[in-house]
Structures are given as C-alpha cells and as structure tokens.
C-alpha cells in the first residue's frame, strides 16, 4: 500500500473532512483552516485563534471545528467567519465530533485534567476523566458518558442508532445506544491507540491507529500514580514515544473489522490521527505532519 502526501504550510494537520465536490479541509497547530482543492491546491480559509482538531461538515457549506482551546466552533470557509457554539471554558480538551441529520452534535472532551499540550500525560496517567457530550439543535448540552480513558474520536452509525467514541488510552471503541442509553463496546483490544474516527461514505466506522500498542506504556498505566505522573517529567528522549506507522481500520455495526489498511512506517508520513473515507479514497490527517495524505490503493 502506498500513500500520496499533500503538504500544507503549517504543522499538525490533525483531521480531515471531504465535501461532496471533493474539496478537503484540515486544521493545523497555528489555528489555520485550509482547503485543498483540485490539483492539490492549498489555500487558507479561516483562523480559529486556537488549536483546531476534529472537523466536520455542517449544512450551508459551513464547518464544525473542535478547537482544543476555544471549544466547539462553526467556520464559514467562504468568509472566514468563526462563531462559538460551546465555549472552551466549559471543557479542558475539545477533540472530535459527529453531526446527526437533525443537527444534533456529539462531541468529546478528552480530559478534565490535561489540555492537548499534555496529551502524553493523559495517556500514561490514565485519568479516566474524558466525556462524550451532546448538543441539541436548541443549544442544550448533555453529558452522555463520563469516566472515559482519553475520549477521542466520535462517529455515528449510518442509521444513527448509536454513537461511538474512541478511548485512546484503553484501546477501545465505546458504543452508546441512543434509543436505550445503554453503553457497551463496538470493539476492544485494538492493535494500537485509536485517535479520530469517522463514518465513511461506505457506512463503515473508520478508525485511525495512531501508534501500535506499546507494552511499556501499558505497564506504566498499571503502575502507582507517582510513577505515572513522573514519566512525563523525565527528558523527552527517555519518554515512551509513538512508533512510526500509517494504519487505519474500518468496522461494521457488528464490531467486525471490514478493512485493515497498513502502509507501514516508512512513507514520509506518520501518526495518523484523522481519517475520512470518501468515494473509495481514504484521506488521512496527522497531529505531527505539515501535510495530509491519501491512500492510493484501496486494497488491504
């Protein structure tokens, strides 16, 4: 499997979304929202003034942006206008979202302890303070799930009967059934640490595997709190670090893996944190790279 890398002017193109006409949007660490058009032409269309992460489509050609600092935002790529739906002061780490047909928004707040700059600490300390929230069209905010281990990607099933939230630190996909309010798992024991997730045009739940499972990280997670807190205070070169890999999986409603695309770790791109399947193509974002990428082979 090969990938085509599309550079953008800033680092950390964390997530991607694709419009009906094939335009791709991403947000980077300096707050910029970029559009990638025909011929891989890249243009800046807005600035959130924060740190954009998850990005979704809204009616009227607007974007929904989860900004780790500023909260849940709408962005108009035509004008650059940015509006706040849920202020960032009510969250520590707004991360990813999914939008229902009626305009209801499901979104994650990764941690009540650590902001995005301390995501490694959230991984090893295993605070289990993440949340899955819901914003109704009239603006009401509800907490659907709490106690999550680094709540991250969010996706709705094709029939909108359930919403899935990825627990990065626990390597699970938690399912919340919207008709009954019951919680179970779509999948457990993932082969690595999931980040953003999304429902593809094929109806599957696509999941990024940002880094393979690390036994050292999981030993630290089981250790006493003083050890977990201490790990992120040692020099960076001695801390556990993500392994270079480019891998995404797709799950059916039965929790079975339907696709497993692994391009390895030597592709000039790594740490896939965003995924979007659209019309047979699979677009990727990365928390670390000054680029997005697209898988050029659909086999796997």
Protein backbone atom coordinates (compact mmCIF):
# COMPACT_ATOMS: atom_id res chain seq x y z
CA UNK A 1 0.00 0.00 0.00
CA UNK A 2 1.22 3.49 -0.87
CA UNK A 3 0.19 6.97 0.13
CA UNK A 4 0.30 10.33 -1.62
CA UNK A 5 1.37 13.15 0.70
CA UNK A 6 -0.07 16.64 0.20
CA UNK A 7 1.95 19.30 2.07
CA UNK A 8 0.25 22.22 3.83
CA UNK A 9 2.02 25.36 5.09
CA UNK A 10 1.67 24.57 8.81
CA UNK A 11 2.33 21.62 11.13
CA UNK A 12 -0.21 19.31 12.67
CA UNK A 13 -2.98 18.79 10.10
CA UNK A 14 -4.78 16.69 12.72
CA UNK A 15 -8.07 15.82 11.00
CA UNK A 16 -9.62 15.87 7.53
CA UNK A 17 -13.10 16.17 6.07
CA UNK A 18 -14.15 15.85 2.42
CA UNK A 19 -17.02 17.72 0.77
CA UNK A 20 -19.34 16.35 -1.90
CA UNK A 21 -17.29 18.05 -4.63
CA UNK A 22 -14.04 16.52 -3.35
CA UNK A 23 -12.57 19.50 -1.54
CA UNK A 24 -10.61 18.54 1.59
CA UNK A 25 -10.45 20.68 4.75
CA UNK A 26 -7.97 20.41 7.60
CA UNK A 27 -6.84 22.49 10.57
CA UNK A 28 -3.28 22.97 11.83
CA UNK A 29 -1.46 23.80 15.05
CA UNK A 30 -1.33 27.55 14.39
CA UNK A 31 -5.14 27.78 14.15
CA UNK A 32 -5.40 27.89 10.36
CA UNK A 33 -8.14 26.08 8.44
CA UNK A 34 -7.01 25.04 4.94
CA UNK A 35 -8.93 23.94 1.87
CA UNK A 36 -7.25 21.53 -0.56
CA UNK A 37 -8.81 21.72 -4.00
CA UNK A 38 -8.19 20.35 -7.49
CA UNK A 39 -4.55 19.72 -8.30
CA UNK A 40 -3.80 19.70 -4.57
CA UNK A 41 -4.09 23.48 -4.49
CA UNK A 42 -3.93 24.62 -0.84
CA UNK A 43 -5.46 27.84 0.46
CA UNK A 44 -6.08 29.20 3.93
CA UNK A 45 -9.75 29.99 4.51
CA UNK A 46 -10.00 30.84 8.23
CA UNK A 47 -8.18 31.12 11.55
CA UNK A 48 -9.83 29.84 14.73
CA UNK A 49 -7.38 31.61 17.01
CA UNK A 50 -6.84 28.32 18.84
CA UNK A 51 -5.90 24.73 18.07
CA UNK A 52 -8.36 23.06 15.64
CA UNK A 53 -8.67 19.28 15.91
CA UNK A 54 -11.78 17.40 14.70
CA UNK A 55 -13.53 18.88 11.67
CA UNK A 56 -16.98 18.05 10.27
CA UNK A 57 -19.42 19.33 7.65
CA UNK A 58 -22.49 21.38 8.54
CA UNK A 59 -25.44 22.44 6.37
CA UNK A 60 -24.95 25.63 4.40
CA UNK A 61 -21.35 24.81 3.45
CA UNK A 62 -20.08 25.59 6.94
CA UNK A 63 -17.63 23.56 9.00
CA UNK A 64 -17.88 22.35 12.58
CA UNK A 65 -14.50 22.56 14.29
CA UNK A 66 -13.49 21.09 17.65
CA UNK A 67 -10.89 23.53 18.89
CA UNK A 68 -8.88 22.20 21.83
CA UNK A 69 -8.61 25.69 23.29
CA UNK A 70 -11.70 27.56 22.12
CA UNK A 71 -14.35 24.82 22.19
CA UNK A 72 -16.94 23.85 19.60
CA UNK A 73 -16.95 26.30 16.70
CA UNK A 74 -18.55 26.90 13.33
CA UNK A 75 -16.39 28.16 10.48
CA UNK A 76 -17.59 29.66 7.20
CA UNK A 77 -14.87 28.92 4.62
CA UNK A 78 -16.37 31.46 2.21
CA UNK A 79 -15.92 34.39 4.59
CA UNK A 80 -13.55 33.13 7.29
CA UNK A 81 -16.15 33.89 9.96
CA UNK A 82 -15.80 31.88 13.19
CA UNK A 83 -18.64 31.50 15.71
CA UNK A 84 -18.74 29.71 19.08
CA UNK A 85 -21.34 27.01 19.79
CA UNK A 86 -19.85 25.73 23.07
CA UNK A 87 -17.23 27.85 24.80
CA UNK A 88 -13.90 26.23 25.54
CA UNK A 89 -14.05 27.37 29.17
CA UNK A 90 -16.56 24.58 29.83
CA UNK A 91 -14.12 21.94 28.55
CA UNK A 92 -10.48 21.08 29.03
CA UNK A 93 -9.74 19.42 25.70
CA UNK A 94 -12.44 19.58 22.98
CA UNK A 95 -11.41 16.95 20.47
CA UNK A 96 -13.75 15.35 17.89
CA UNK A 97 -17.39 15.35 16.83
CA UNK A 98 -20.14 13.83 14.69
CA UNK A 99 -23.24 15.59 13.36
CA UNK A 100 -26.66 13.90 13.12
CA UNK A 101 -29.17 14.56 10.35
CA UNK A 102 -31.29 16.72 12.66
CA UNK A 103 -28.32 18.90 13.63
CA UNK A 104 -27.56 17.25 16.97
CA UNK A 105 -23.82 17.28 17.65
CA UNK A 106 -22.00 14.58 19.59
CA UNK A 107 -18.51 15.59 20.72
CA UNK A 108 -15.69 14.56 23.03
CA UNK A 109 -13.86 16.33 25.83
CA UNK A 110 -10.72 14.23 26.20
CA UNK A 111 -9.73 15.06 29.78
CA UNK A 112 -10.74 17.13 32.79
CA UNK A 113 -7.07 17.22 33.86
CA UNK A 114 -4.78 17.67 30.86
CA UNK A 115 -5.00 20.04 27.86
CA UNK A 116 -3.85 18.98 24.41
CA UNK A 117 -0.27 20.08 25.10
CA UNK A 118 -0.13 17.37 27.79
CA UNK A 119 -1.70 14.54 25.78
CA UNK A 120 1.17 12.20 26.64
CA UNK A 121 0.46 12.72 30.34
CA UNK A 122 -3.19 11.89 29.75
CA UNK A 123 -2.12 8.65 28.06
CA UNK A 124 0.12 7.37 30.82
CA UNK A 125 -1.70 8.76 33.87
CA UNK A 126 -4.97 7.20 32.70
CA UNK A 127 -7.09 9.80 34.49
CA UNK A 128 -10.35 8.43 33.03
CA UNK A 129 -11.91 11.88 33.08
CA UNK A 130 -12.93 12.02 29.41
CA UNK A 131 -16.53 12.69 28.37
CA UNK A 132 -18.92 12.23 25.47
CA UNK A 133 -21.33 15.16 25.19
CA UNK A 134 -24.36 16.06 23.11
CA UNK A 135 -25.51 19.47 21.88
CA UNK A 136 -29.10 19.54 20.69
CA UNK A 137 -30.22 21.94 17.93
CA UNK A 138 -31.72 24.26 20.58
CA UNK A 139 -28.34 24.54 22.30
CA UNK A 140 -28.86 22.21 25.27
CA UNK A 141 -25.71 20.37 26.41
CA UNK A 142 -25.89 16.90 27.96
CA UNK A 143 -23.16 14.55 29.18
CA UNK A 144 -23.86 11.09 27.77
CA UNK A 145 -20.78 9.31 29.10
CA UNK A 146 -18.01 10.17 31.53
CA UNK A 147 -15.11 8.29 33.07
CA UNK A 148 -13.61 7.63 29.63
CA UNK A 149 -9.91 6.84 29.14
CA UNK A 150 -8.81 9.72 26.86
CA UNK A 151 -12.10 10.28 24.97
CA UNK A 152 -11.20 10.99 21.37
CA UNK A 153 -12.83 10.25 18.01
CA UNK A 154 -16.63 10.30 17.63
CA UNK A 155 -18.81 8.77 14.91
CA UNK A 156 -22.48 7.94 14.35
CA UNK A 157 -23.71 4.71 12.82
CA UNK A 158 -25.31 5.04 9.39
CA UNK A 159 -28.82 4.59 10.85
CA UNK A 160 -27.94 6.90 13.78
CA UNK A 161 -29.00 4.24 16.29
CA UNK A 162 -25.72 4.58 18.18
CA UNK A 163 -22.71 6.83 18.60
CA UNK A 164 -19.16 5.55 19.06
CA UNK A 165 -16.36 7.26 20.98
CA UNK A 166 -12.76 6.06 20.90
CA UNK A 167 -10.90 5.61 24.17
CA UNK A 168 -7.31 6.22 23.11
CA UNK A 169 -5.66 5.17 26.37
CA UNK A 170 -7.70 1.96 26.69
CA UNK A 171 -7.63 0.90 23.00
CA UNK A 172 -11.41 0.54 22.83
CA UNK A 173 -14.39 1.82 20.86
CA UNK A 174 -17.23 2.57 23.27
CA UNK A 175 -20.77 2.42 21.88
CA UNK A 176 -23.65 4.47 23.31
CA UNK A 177 -27.06 3.27 22.11
CA UNK A 178 -29.21 6.32 21.51
CA UNK A 179 -32.54 4.53 21.83
CA UNK A 180 -31.86 2.95 25.22
CA UNK A 181 -28.97 4.98 26.67
CA UNK A 182 -27.02 1.76 27.21
CA UNK A 183 -23.24 1.60 26.97
CA UNK A 184 -21.26 -1.30 25.54
CA UNK A 185 -18.27 -1.78 23.25
CA UNK A 186 -18.15 -1.82 19.48
CA UNK A 187 -14.59 -3.17 19.74
CA UNK A 188 -11.93 -3.80 22.38
CA UNK A 189 -8.24 -4.68 22.33
CA UNK A 190 -7.47 -2.65 19.22
CA UNK A 191 -3.97 -3.26 17.77
CA UNK A 192 -2.94 0.26 18.69
CA UNK A 193 -4.17 3.58 20.04
CA UNK A 194 -7.20 4.99 18.23
CA UNK A 195 -7.47 8.71 17.64
CA UNK A 196 -10.13 10.29 15.43
CA UNK A 197 -12.84 8.12 13.93
CA UNK A 198 -15.49 8.84 11.29
CA UNK A 199 -18.26 7.20 9.32
CA UNK A 200 -17.25 6.73 5.72
CA UNK A 201 -19.37 7.02 2.59
CA UNK A 202 -19.35 3.21 2.69
CA UNK A 203 -21.25 3.26 6.01
CA UNK A 204 -18.33 1.80 7.97
CA UNK A 205 -16.78 3.32 11.10
CA UNK A 206 -13.22 4.22 10.12
CA UNK A 207 -10.65 4.31 12.92
CA UNK A 208 -7.12 5.68 12.98
CA UNK A 209 -4.40 3.65 14.67
CA UNK A 210 -2.08 6.50 15.63
CA UNK A 211 0.57 4.19 17.08
CA UNK A 212 0.85 0.43 17.67
CA UNK A 213 0.24 -1.00 21.13
CA UNK A 214 3.16 -0.25 23.43
CA UNK A 215 3.65 -2.74 26.30
CA UNK A 216 5.83 -0.21 28.18
CA UNK A 217 3.06 2.41 28.13
CA UNK A 218 0.57 -0.13 29.41
CA UNK A 219 2.88 -1.26 32.21
CA UNK A 220 3.21 2.37 33.28
CA UNK A 221 -0.59 2.77 33.18
CA UNK A 222 -0.89 -0.10 35.67
CA UNK A 223 1.71 1.43 37.99
CA UNK A 224 1.19 3.70 41.01
CA UNK A 225 0.14 7.29 40.43
CA UNK A 226 3.56 8.68 41.40
CA UNK A 227 5.15 6.64 38.62
CA UNK A 228 2.54 7.62 36.04
CA UNK A 229 2.94 11.30 36.89
CA UNK A 230 6.71 11.07 36.93
CA UNK A 231 7.14 9.61 33.46
CA UNK A 232 6.27 12.84 31.66
CA UNK A 233 8.72 14.82 33.79
CA UNK A 234 11.79 12.95 32.57
CA UNK A 235 13.66 14.16 29.46
CA UNK A 236 11.64 13.71 26.28
CA UNK A 237 14.15 11.35 24.69
CA UNK A 238 13.56 8.83 27.51
CA UNK A 239 9.77 9.03 27.46
CA UNK A 240 7.65 6.48 25.56
CA UNK A 241 7.03 7.81 22.07
CA UNK A 242 4.62 6.93 19.25
CA UNK A 243 6.01 4.42 16.76
CA UNK A 244 6.03 5.40 13.10
CA UNK A 245 3.08 3.80 11.36
CA UNK A 246 0.34 4.55 8.83
CA UNK A 247 -2.67 2.38 9.63
CA UNK A 248 -6.44 2.70 9.64
CA UNK A 249 -9.21 0.16 10.16
CA UNK A 250 -12.92 0.12 9.32
CA UNK A 251 -15.56 -1.56 11.48
CA UNK A 252 -19.08 -2.69 10.71
CA UNK A 253 -22.03 -2.31 13.06
CA UNK A 254 -21.30 -5.86 14.26
CA UNK A 255 -17.90 -4.77 15.58
CA UNK A 256 -16.03 -6.82 13.00
CA UNK A 257 -13.03 -5.41 11.13
CA UNK A 258 -14.05 -4.98 7.49
CA UNK A 259 -10.93 -3.18 6.26
CA UNK A 260 -7.40 -3.01 7.64
CA UNK A 261 -5.12 -0.73 5.65
CA UNK A 262 -1.49 -0.71 6.77
CA UNK A 263 1.08 1.26 4.78
CA UNK A 264 3.86 0.64 7.31
CA UNK A 265 6.07 3.24 8.90
CA UNK A 266 8.42 4.37 6.14
CA UNK A 267 6.13 6.50 3.99
CA UNK A 268 7.27 10.06 4.76
CA UNK A 269 4.13 10.40 6.89
CA UNK A 270 3.21 9.05 10.31
CA UNK A 271 0.96 9.26 13.35
CA UNK A 272 -2.37 9.14 11.56
CA UNK A 273 -4.89 10.97 13.75
CA UNK A 274 -7.61 11.74 11.19
CA UNK A 275 -9.33 9.54 8.62
CA UNK A 276 -12.09 10.10 6.07
CA UNK A 277 -13.24 7.54 3.51
CA UNK A 278 -14.94 9.29 0.60
CA UNK A 279 -15.94 7.72 -2.69
CA UNK A 280 -13.36 4.96 -2.36
CA UNK A 281 -10.47 7.21 -1.34
CA UNK A 282 -9.12 7.30 2.21
CA UNK A 283 -7.79 10.66 3.37
CA UNK A 284 -5.53 10.95 6.40
CA UNK A 285 -4.55 13.68 8.85
CA UNK A 286 -1.68 13.75 11.34
CA UNK A 287 -1.07 15.56 14.62
CA UNK A 288 2.64 15.83 13.75
CA UNK A 289 2.92 16.27 9.99
CA UNK A 290 2.78 19.50 7.92
CA UNK A 291 0.63 17.57 5.45
CA UNK A 292 -2.40 15.42 4.83
CA UNK A 293 -2.26 12.24 2.79
CA UNK A 294 -4.45 9.95 0.73
CA UNK A 295 -4.14 6.21 0.31
CA UNK A 296 -3.62 5.49 -3.36
CA UNK A 297 -4.54 1.80 -3.17
CA UNK A 298 -7.87 0.56 -1.78
CA UNK A 299 -6.67 -2.99 -1.30
CA UNK A 300 -5.88 -4.35 2.14
